[in-house]
């Protein structure tokens, strides 16, 4: 799928450091504000382990000028059976749009790509978490997603 100024393509190993930069620009400020743990070494290891894994979809959005353009977006999802029904779930793990590209329609295009890829992989249900109070919640609702629960967390390490 192509956005007027972006090309969506599968993640390759050469993209990993730029994806980590996207994490730092697009989500780290929110994580820090909310006191969320983060480990970029673990994120990097997970990216490397999932390239080419048939149950994971890893997509990047790059400027239309080609492989030299910095990444503007990233999408990660995984396929698994639903433990409460007969659905096969596409679980959105992360969607990132660089702050310089927010509001451009790229997030919508990444979500459309996610839906099409999940459908092609035989998934019948899409699922993901959104932080309580996140402005992204309205974005997802405009795309037809329905809120059905809150994500709760409790740390057991201290």
N, C-alpha and C. Protein backbone atom coordinates (compact mmCIF):
# COMPACT_ATOMS: atom_id res chain seq x y z
N UNK A 1 0.86 -1.18 0.00
CA UNK A 1 0.00 0.00 0.00
C UNK A 1 0.90 1.23 0.00
N UNK A 2 0.52 2.22 -0.72
CA UNK A 2 1.33 3.43 -0.82
C UNK A 2 0.51 4.65 -0.42
N UNK A 3 1.06 5.43 0.45
CA UNK A 3 0.51 6.72 0.84
C UNK A 3 1.15 7.71 -0.13
N UNK A 4 0.54 8.84 -0.43
CA UNK A 4 1.14 9.75 -1.41
C UNK A 4 2.60 10.09 -1.14
N UNK A 5 3.00 10.14 0.11
CA UNK A 5 4.39 10.48 0.40
C UNK A 5 5.14 9.35 1.10
N UNK A 6 4.52 8.17 1.22
CA UNK A 6 5.14 7.06 1.94
C UNK A 6 4.92 5.74 1.20
N UNK A 7 5.88 4.85 1.35
CA UNK A 7 5.78 3.50 0.82
C UNK A 7 5.80 2.55 2.01
N UNK A 8 4.83 1.63 2.06
CA UNK A 8 4.81 0.61 3.11
C UNK A 8 5.48 -0.63 2.57
N UNK A 9 6.38 -1.19 3.40
CA UNK A 9 7.11 -2.38 2.97
C UNK A 9 7.48 -3.19 4.20
N UNK A 10 7.84 -4.47 4.00
CA UNK A 10 8.24 -5.29 5.14
C UNK A 10 9.53 -4.76 5.78
N UNK A 11 9.62 -4.93 7.09
CA UNK A 11 10.83 -4.58 7.83
C UNK A 11 11.96 -5.49 7.40
N UNK A 12 13.14 -4.93 7.21
CA UNK A 12 14.36 -5.71 6.98
C UNK A 12 15.35 -5.35 8.09
N UNK A 13 16.34 -6.20 8.26
CA UNK A 13 17.28 -6.01 9.37
C UNK A 13 17.94 -4.63 9.35
N UNK A 14 18.20 -4.09 8.18
CA UNK A 14 18.84 -2.78 8.08
C UNK A 14 17.97 -1.66 8.63
N UNK A 15 16.67 -1.92 8.84
CA UNK A 15 15.73 -0.91 9.37
C UNK A 15 15.71 -0.84 10.89
N UNK A 16 16.26 -1.81 11.56
CA UNK A 16 16.04 -1.95 13.00
C UNK A 16 16.47 -0.72 13.79
N UNK A 17 17.62 -0.16 13.52
CA UNK A 17 18.06 1.01 14.28
C UNK A 17 17.13 2.20 14.06
N UNK A 18 16.61 2.34 12.83
CA UNK A 18 15.65 3.42 12.58
C UNK A 18 14.33 3.17 13.30
N UNK A 19 13.92 1.90 13.42
CA UNK A 19 12.70 1.60 14.17
C UNK A 19 12.90 1.97 15.64
N UNK A 20 14.07 1.70 16.17
CA UNK A 20 14.35 2.09 17.56
C UNK A 20 14.30 3.61 17.70
N UNK A 21 14.78 4.33 16.69
CA UNK A 21 14.67 5.80 16.71
C UNK A 21 13.20 6.23 16.69
N UNK A 22 12.36 5.51 15.93
CA UNK A 22 10.93 5.81 15.92
C UNK A 22 10.32 5.61 17.31
N UNK A 23 10.69 4.53 17.98
CA UNK A 23 10.23 4.31 19.36
C UNK A 23 10.59 5.51 20.23
N UNK A 24 11.83 5.96 20.10
CA UNK A 24 12.29 7.08 20.94
C UNK A 24 11.52 8.36 20.64
N UNK A 25 11.22 8.61 19.36
CA UNK A 25 10.53 9.85 18.98
C UNK A 25 9.03 9.79 19.23
N UNK A 26 8.41 8.64 18.96
CA UNK A 26 6.95 8.57 18.95
C UNK A 26 6.32 8.07 20.24
N UNK A 27 7.01 7.21 20.99
CA UNK A 27 6.35 6.61 22.15
C UNK A 27 7.11 6.79 23.45
N UNK A 28 8.43 6.94 23.39
CA UNK A 28 9.19 7.08 24.63
C UNK A 28 8.72 8.25 25.50
N UNK A 29 8.40 9.42 24.94
CA UNK A 29 7.91 10.50 25.81
C UNK A 29 6.65 10.11 26.59
N UNK A 30 5.76 9.36 25.96
CA UNK A 30 4.54 8.91 26.63
C UNK A 30 4.89 7.88 27.70
N UNK A 31 5.78 6.95 27.37
CA UNK A 31 6.19 5.95 28.36
C UNK A 31 6.80 6.62 29.58
N UNK A 32 7.69 7.59 29.35
CA UNK A 32 8.35 8.26 30.48
C UNK A 32 7.34 9.02 31.33
N UNK A 33 6.39 9.69 30.66
CA UNK A 33 5.35 10.44 31.38
C UNK A 33 4.50 9.52 32.26
N UNK A 34 4.27 8.30 31.80
CA UNK A 34 3.41 7.36 32.52
C UNK A 34 4.19 6.40 33.41
N UNK A 35 5.51 6.53 33.46
CA UNK A 35 6.31 5.66 34.30
C UNK A 35 6.41 4.23 33.79
N UNK A 36 6.27 4.05 32.49
CA UNK A 36 6.33 2.70 31.92
C UNK A 36 7.78 2.28 31.70
N UNK A 37 8.04 1.02 32.00
CA UNK A 37 9.37 0.47 31.76
C UNK A 37 9.63 0.36 30.26
N UNK A 38 10.89 0.42 29.89
CA UNK A 38 11.27 0.21 28.50
C UNK A 38 12.70 -0.30 28.47
N UNK A 39 12.98 -1.17 27.52
CA UNK A 39 14.29 -1.78 27.37
C UNK A 39 14.56 -1.89 25.88
N UNK A 40 15.33 -0.96 25.35
CA UNK A 40 15.56 -0.94 23.91
C UNK A 40 16.38 -2.12 23.43
N UNK A 41 17.22 -2.69 24.29
CA UNK A 41 17.94 -3.91 23.91
C UNK A 41 16.98 -5.06 23.68
N UNK A 42 15.98 -5.16 24.53
CA UNK A 42 14.96 -6.21 24.38
C UNK A 42 14.11 -5.97 23.12
N UNK A 43 13.75 -4.72 22.88
CA UNK A 43 12.98 -4.39 21.68
C UNK A 43 13.78 -4.78 20.44
N UNK A 44 15.05 -4.42 20.42
CA UNK A 44 15.90 -4.77 19.27
C UNK A 44 15.98 -6.28 19.08
N UNK A 45 16.18 -7.02 20.16
CA UNK A 45 16.27 -8.49 20.08
C UNK A 45 14.95 -9.08 19.56
N UNK A 46 13.83 -8.54 20.02
CA UNK A 46 12.54 -9.03 19.54
C UNK A 46 12.34 -8.75 18.06
N UNK A 47 12.75 -7.58 17.60
CA UNK A 47 12.64 -7.27 16.17
C UNK A 47 13.48 -8.25 15.35
N UNK A 48 14.70 -8.46 15.77
CA UNK A 48 15.58 -9.37 15.02
C UNK A 48 15.00 -10.79 14.98
N UNK A 49 14.42 -11.22 16.08
CA UNK A 49 13.88 -12.59 16.16
C UNK A 49 12.63 -12.78 15.32
N UNK A 50 11.91 -11.70 15.04
CA UNK A 50 10.61 -11.84 14.37
C UNK A 50 10.64 -11.54 12.88
N UNK A 51 11.75 -11.06 12.35
CA UNK A 51 11.85 -10.83 10.91
C UNK A 51 11.68 -12.17 10.20
N UNK A 52 10.73 -12.25 9.31
CA UNK A 52 10.51 -13.47 8.54
C UNK A 52 9.69 -14.53 9.25
N UNK A 53 9.27 -14.29 10.48
CA UNK A 53 8.43 -15.23 11.22
C UNK A 53 7.01 -15.12 10.67
N UNK A 54 6.45 -16.22 10.22
CA UNK A 54 5.14 -16.21 9.58
C UNK A 54 3.98 -15.76 10.45
N UNK A 55 4.14 -15.78 11.77
CA UNK A 55 3.06 -15.35 12.66
C UNK A 55 3.18 -13.90 13.08
N UNK A 56 4.17 -13.19 12.55
CA UNK A 56 4.37 -11.78 12.89
C UNK A 56 4.43 -10.95 11.62
N UNK A 57 3.73 -9.83 11.64
CA UNK A 57 3.79 -8.89 10.53
C UNK A 57 4.54 -7.65 10.97
N UNK A 58 5.62 -7.33 10.31
CA UNK A 58 6.43 -6.17 10.63
C UNK A 58 6.54 -5.31 9.38
N UNK A 59 6.00 -4.10 9.46
CA UNK A 59 5.94 -3.21 8.30
C UNK A 59 6.51 -1.86 8.67
N UNK A 60 7.22 -1.24 7.75
CA UNK A 60 7.71 0.12 7.94
C UNK A 60 7.14 1.01 6.85
N UNK A 61 7.03 2.29 7.19
CA UNK A 61 6.60 3.31 6.23
C UNK A 61 7.80 4.21 5.99
N UNK A 62 8.14 4.34 4.73
CA UNK A 62 9.33 5.12 4.37
C UNK A 62 8.94 6.20 3.38
N UNK A 63 9.68 7.28 3.41
CA UNK A 63 9.45 8.34 2.44
C UNK A 63 9.53 7.80 1.03
N UNK A 64 8.76 8.36 0.15
CA UNK A 64 8.66 7.86 -1.23
C UNK A 64 9.98 7.96 -1.98
N UNK A 65 10.95 8.67 -1.45
CA UNK A 65 12.23 8.81 -2.15
C UNK A 65 13.08 7.55 -2.06
N UNK A 66 12.62 6.53 -1.33
CA UNK A 66 13.32 5.25 -1.33
C UNK A 66 14.03 4.93 -0.04
N UNK A 67 14.92 3.94 -0.14
CA UNK A 67 15.57 3.39 1.04
C UNK A 67 16.45 4.38 1.80
N UNK A 68 16.77 5.50 1.22
CA UNK A 68 17.59 6.49 1.93
C UNK A 68 16.75 7.41 2.81
N UNK A 69 15.46 7.45 2.57
CA UNK A 69 14.58 8.31 3.37
C UNK A 69 14.41 7.71 4.76
N UNK A 70 14.36 8.54 5.80
CA UNK A 70 14.14 8.00 7.15
C UNK A 70 12.76 7.38 7.27
N UNK A 71 12.63 6.44 8.19
CA UNK A 71 11.34 5.80 8.42
C UNK A 71 10.39 6.79 9.08
N UNK A 72 9.15 6.77 8.62
CA UNK A 72 8.12 7.64 9.17
C UNK A 72 7.13 6.87 10.04
N UNK A 73 7.08 5.54 9.88
CA UNK A 73 6.13 4.75 10.64
C UNK A 73 6.55 3.30 10.74
N UNK A 74 5.90 2.61 11.67
CA UNK A 74 6.21 1.20 11.93
C UNK A 74 4.95 0.53 12.47
N UNK A 75 4.75 -0.71 12.07
CA UNK A 75 3.60 -1.50 12.48
C UNK A 75 4.06 -2.91 12.80
N UNK A 76 3.65 -3.44 13.95
CA UNK A 76 3.98 -4.81 14.32
C UNK A 76 2.71 -5.49 14.84
N UNK A 77 2.47 -6.71 14.36
CA UNK A 77 1.32 -7.48 14.83
C UNK A 77 1.68 -8.95 14.81
N UNK A 78 0.88 -9.73 15.54
CA UNK A 78 1.09 -11.17 15.53
C UNK A 78 -0.24 -11.90 15.44
N UNK A 79 -0.19 -13.08 14.85
CA UNK A 79 -1.36 -13.93 14.68
C UNK A 79 -1.32 -15.04 15.71
N UNK A 80 -2.48 -15.30 16.34
CA UNK A 80 -2.59 -16.42 17.28
C UNK A 80 -4.05 -16.81 17.45
N UNK A 81 -4.29 -18.04 17.90
CA UNK A 81 -5.68 -18.43 18.16
C UNK A 81 -6.22 -17.69 19.37
N UNK A 82 -7.49 -17.34 19.32
CA UNK A 82 -8.15 -16.71 20.46
C UNK A 82 -8.41 -17.79 21.50
N UNK A 83 -8.04 -17.53 22.73
CA UNK A 83 -8.21 -18.55 23.76
C UNK A 83 -9.65 -18.62 24.30
N UNK A 84 -10.54 -17.75 23.85
CA UNK A 84 -11.93 -17.77 24.34
C UNK A 84 -12.95 -18.04 23.24
N UNK A 85 -12.50 -18.22 22.01
CA UNK A 85 -13.46 -18.43 20.90
C UNK A 85 -12.75 -19.18 19.78
N UNK A 86 -13.45 -19.31 18.67
CA UNK A 86 -12.87 -19.99 17.51
C UNK A 86 -12.16 -19.03 16.56
N UNK A 87 -12.07 -17.76 16.94
CA UNK A 87 -11.42 -16.76 16.09
C UNK A 87 -9.90 -16.97 16.04
N UNK A 88 -9.33 -16.56 14.93
CA UNK A 88 -7.89 -16.38 14.84
C UNK A 88 -7.67 -14.88 14.97
N UNK A 89 -6.85 -14.49 15.93
CA UNK A 89 -6.67 -13.09 16.29
C UNK A 89 -5.43 -12.50 15.62
N UNK A 90 -5.57 -11.29 15.13
CA UNK A 90 -4.43 -10.48 14.75
C UNK A 90 -4.28 -9.46 15.88
N UNK A 91 -3.22 -9.60 16.65
CA UNK A 91 -2.99 -8.74 17.81
C UNK A 91 -1.98 -7.65 17.42
N UNK A 92 -2.47 -6.43 17.35
CA UNK A 92 -1.60 -5.30 17.05
C UNK A 92 -0.69 -5.06 18.24
N UNK A 93 0.60 -5.18 18.04
CA UNK A 93 1.58 -5.00 19.11
C UNK A 93 2.09 -3.57 19.20
N UNK A 94 2.25 -2.92 18.05
CA UNK A 94 2.77 -1.56 18.08
C UNK A 94 2.48 -0.89 16.74
N UNK A 95 2.07 0.35 16.82
CA UNK A 95 1.98 1.21 15.64
C UNK A 95 2.63 2.53 16.05
N UNK A 96 3.57 2.98 15.26
CA UNK A 96 4.30 4.21 15.54
C UNK A 96 4.27 5.09 14.30
N UNK A 97 3.97 6.34 14.50
CA UNK A 97 4.09 7.34 13.43
C UNK A 97 4.97 8.45 14.00
N UNK A 98 6.04 8.76 13.30
CA UNK A 98 6.94 9.81 13.76
C UNK A 98 6.14 11.10 13.95
N UNK A 99 6.43 11.86 15.00
CA UNK A 99 5.68 13.10 15.25
C UNK A 99 5.61 14.04 14.05
N UNK A 100 6.65 14.06 13.23
CA UNK A 100 6.64 14.93 12.04
C UNK A 100 5.63 14.49 10.99
N UNK A 101 5.12 13.25 11.10
CA UNK A 101 4.20 12.70 10.10
C UNK A 101 2.79 12.48 10.67
N UNK A 102 2.59 12.78 11.94
CA UNK A 102 1.27 12.61 12.53
C UNK A 102 0.30 13.60 11.90
N UNK A 103 -0.91 13.14 11.66
CA UNK A 103 -1.92 13.97 11.01
C UNK A 103 -1.85 13.92 9.49
N UNK A 104 -0.95 13.13 8.94
CA UNK A 104 -0.79 13.06 7.48
C UNK A 104 -1.63 11.98 6.83
N UNK A 105 -2.28 11.14 7.64
CA UNK A 105 -3.02 9.99 7.10
C UNK A 105 -2.21 8.71 7.14
N UNK A 106 -0.96 8.80 7.54
CA UNK A 106 -0.11 7.62 7.57
C UNK A 106 -0.61 6.60 8.59
N UNK A 107 -1.04 7.03 9.76
CA UNK A 107 -1.57 6.10 10.76
C UNK A 107 -2.76 5.33 10.22
N UNK A 108 -3.66 6.03 9.55
CA UNK A 108 -4.83 5.38 8.94
C UNK A 108 -4.38 4.35 7.90
N UNK A 109 -3.40 4.72 7.08
CA UNK A 109 -2.91 3.79 6.07
C UNK A 109 -2.25 2.57 6.70
N UNK A 110 -1.51 2.77 7.77
CA UNK A 110 -0.90 1.63 8.47
C UNK A 110 -1.98 0.71 9.04
N UNK A 111 -3.05 1.28 9.59
CA UNK A 111 -4.13 0.45 10.13
C UNK A 111 -4.85 -0.29 9.00
N UNK A 112 -5.06 0.34 7.88
CA UNK A 112 -5.69 -0.35 6.74
C UNK A 112 -4.80 -1.50 6.26
N UNK A 113 -3.51 -1.25 6.24
CA UNK A 113 -2.56 -2.30 5.87
C UNK A 113 -2.65 -3.47 6.85
N UNK A 114 -2.69 -3.15 8.15
CA UNK A 114 -2.82 -4.17 9.20
C UNK A 114 -4.08 -5.01 8.96
N UNK A 115 -5.20 -4.36 8.72
CA UNK A 115 -6.46 -5.08 8.51
C UNK A 115 -6.38 -5.99 7.29
N UNK A 116 -5.83 -5.50 6.19
CA UNK A 116 -5.73 -6.30 4.96
C UNK A 116 -4.78 -7.48 5.16
N UNK A 117 -3.64 -7.24 5.81
CA UNK A 117 -2.68 -8.32 6.04
C UNK A 117 -3.25 -9.37 6.98
N UNK A 118 -3.98 -8.93 8.01
CA UNK A 118 -4.59 -9.87 8.95
C UNK A 118 -5.64 -10.72 8.23
N UNK A 119 -6.45 -10.09 7.42
CA UNK A 119 -7.47 -10.82 6.66
C UNK A 119 -6.79 -11.85 5.75
N UNK A 120 -5.73 -11.45 5.06
CA UNK A 120 -5.02 -12.35 4.16
C UNK A 120 -4.37 -13.51 4.92
N UNK A 121 -4.05 -13.30 6.20
CA UNK A 121 -3.44 -14.35 7.03
C UNK A 121 -4.49 -15.24 7.69
N UNK A 122 -5.77 -15.02 7.37
CA UNK A 122 -6.83 -15.86 7.90
C UNK A 122 -7.37 -15.43 9.25
N UNK A 123 -7.03 -14.22 9.68
CA UNK A 123 -7.52 -13.73 10.97
C UNK A 123 -8.96 -13.27 10.83
N UNK A 124 -9.73 -13.48 11.90
CA UNK A 124 -11.14 -13.10 11.91
C UNK A 124 -11.46 -12.10 13.01
N UNK A 125 -10.45 -11.69 13.76
CA UNK A 125 -10.66 -10.74 14.85
C UNK A 125 -9.38 -9.93 15.05
N UNK A 126 -9.53 -8.63 15.25
CA UNK A 126 -8.40 -7.74 15.52
C UNK A 126 -8.47 -7.30 16.97
N UNK A 127 -7.32 -7.22 17.62
CA UNK A 127 -7.29 -6.89 19.04
C UNK A 127 -6.03 -6.09 19.34
N UNK A 128 -6.17 -5.10 20.23
CA UNK A 128 -5.00 -4.37 20.71
C UNK A 128 -5.38 -3.55 21.92
N UNK A 129 -4.37 -3.08 22.63
CA UNK A 129 -4.55 -2.28 23.83
C UNK A 129 -4.24 -0.82 23.51
N UNK A 130 -4.96 0.07 24.19
CA UNK A 130 -4.69 1.50 24.09
C UNK A 130 -4.64 2.03 25.52
N UNK A 131 -3.62 2.82 25.82
CA UNK A 131 -3.53 3.40 27.16
C UNK A 131 -4.76 4.20 27.51
N UNK A 132 -5.23 4.05 28.74
CA UNK A 132 -6.36 4.85 29.20
C UNK A 132 -6.01 6.33 29.06
N UNK A 133 -6.95 7.09 28.55
CA UNK A 133 -6.75 8.52 28.37
C UNK A 133 -5.94 8.90 27.14
N UNK A 134 -5.56 7.93 26.34
CA UNK A 134 -4.76 8.22 25.15
C UNK A 134 -5.59 8.94 24.10
N UNK A 135 -5.04 10.00 23.50
CA UNK A 135 -5.75 10.66 22.40
C UNK A 135 -5.93 9.74 21.19
N UNK A 136 -5.14 8.65 21.12
CA UNK A 136 -5.26 7.71 20.00
C UNK A 136 -6.58 6.95 20.03
N UNK A 137 -7.22 6.88 21.20
CA UNK A 137 -8.48 6.13 21.31
C UNK A 137 -9.51 6.65 20.30
N UNK A 138 -9.65 7.96 20.18
CA UNK A 138 -10.60 8.54 19.22
C UNK A 138 -10.24 8.19 17.79
N UNK A 139 -8.95 8.15 17.48
CA UNK A 139 -8.48 7.76 16.16
C UNK A 139 -8.97 6.36 15.82
N UNK A 140 -8.79 5.42 16.74
CA UNK A 140 -9.21 4.03 16.50
C UNK A 140 -10.73 3.92 16.40
N UNK A 141 -11.44 4.67 17.21
CA UNK A 141 -12.90 4.63 17.15
C UNK A 141 -13.40 5.15 15.80
N UNK A 142 -12.74 6.18 15.26
CA UNK A 142 -13.12 6.69 13.94
C UNK A 142 -12.89 5.65 12.84
N UNK A 143 -11.99 4.71 13.09
CA UNK A 143 -11.72 3.63 12.13
C UNK A 143 -12.65 2.44 12.33
N UNK A 144 -13.58 2.54 13.29
CA UNK A 144 -14.56 1.48 13.50
C UNK A 144 -14.25 0.51 14.62
N UNK A 145 -13.23 0.77 15.42
CA UNK A 145 -12.89 -0.11 16.54
C UNK A 145 -13.74 0.25 17.75
N UNK A 146 -14.05 -0.77 18.54
CA UNK A 146 -14.90 -0.60 19.72
C UNK A 146 -14.10 -0.90 20.98
N UNK A 147 -14.22 -0.03 21.94
CA UNK A 147 -13.57 -0.19 23.24
C UNK A 147 -14.38 -1.18 24.07
N UNK A 148 -13.73 -2.22 24.59
CA UNK A 148 -14.47 -3.18 25.41
C UNK A 148 -13.85 -3.45 26.77
N UNK A 149 -12.65 -2.96 27.03
CA UNK A 149 -12.06 -3.16 28.35
C UNK A 149 -10.96 -2.14 28.57
N UNK A 150 -10.48 -2.03 29.77
CA UNK A 150 -9.33 -1.19 30.08
C UNK A 150 -8.13 -2.09 30.33
N UNK A 151 -6.99 -1.64 29.95
CA UNK A 151 -5.76 -2.37 30.16
C UNK A 151 -5.25 -2.03 31.56
N UNK A 152 -5.11 -3.03 32.39
CA UNK A 152 -4.62 -2.84 33.75
C UNK A 152 -3.27 -3.50 33.90
N UNK A 153 -2.45 -2.95 34.77
CA UNK A 153 -1.10 -3.48 34.95
C UNK A 153 -0.74 -3.43 36.44
N UNK A 154 -0.02 -4.46 36.86
CA UNK A 154 0.53 -4.48 38.22
C UNK A 154 1.89 -5.13 38.13
N UNK A 155 2.88 -4.44 38.65
CA UNK A 155 4.24 -4.97 38.63
C UNK A 155 4.46 -5.82 39.88
N UNK A 156 5.08 -6.94 39.69
CA UNK A 156 5.34 -7.86 40.79
C UNK A 156 6.81 -7.89 41.21
N UNK A 157 7.60 -7.00 40.66
CA UNK A 157 9.04 -7.03 40.91
C UNK A 157 9.48 -6.09 42.04
N UNK A 158 8.57 -5.59 42.80
CA UNK A 158 9.04 -4.71 43.85
C UNK A 158 8.02 -4.09 44.65
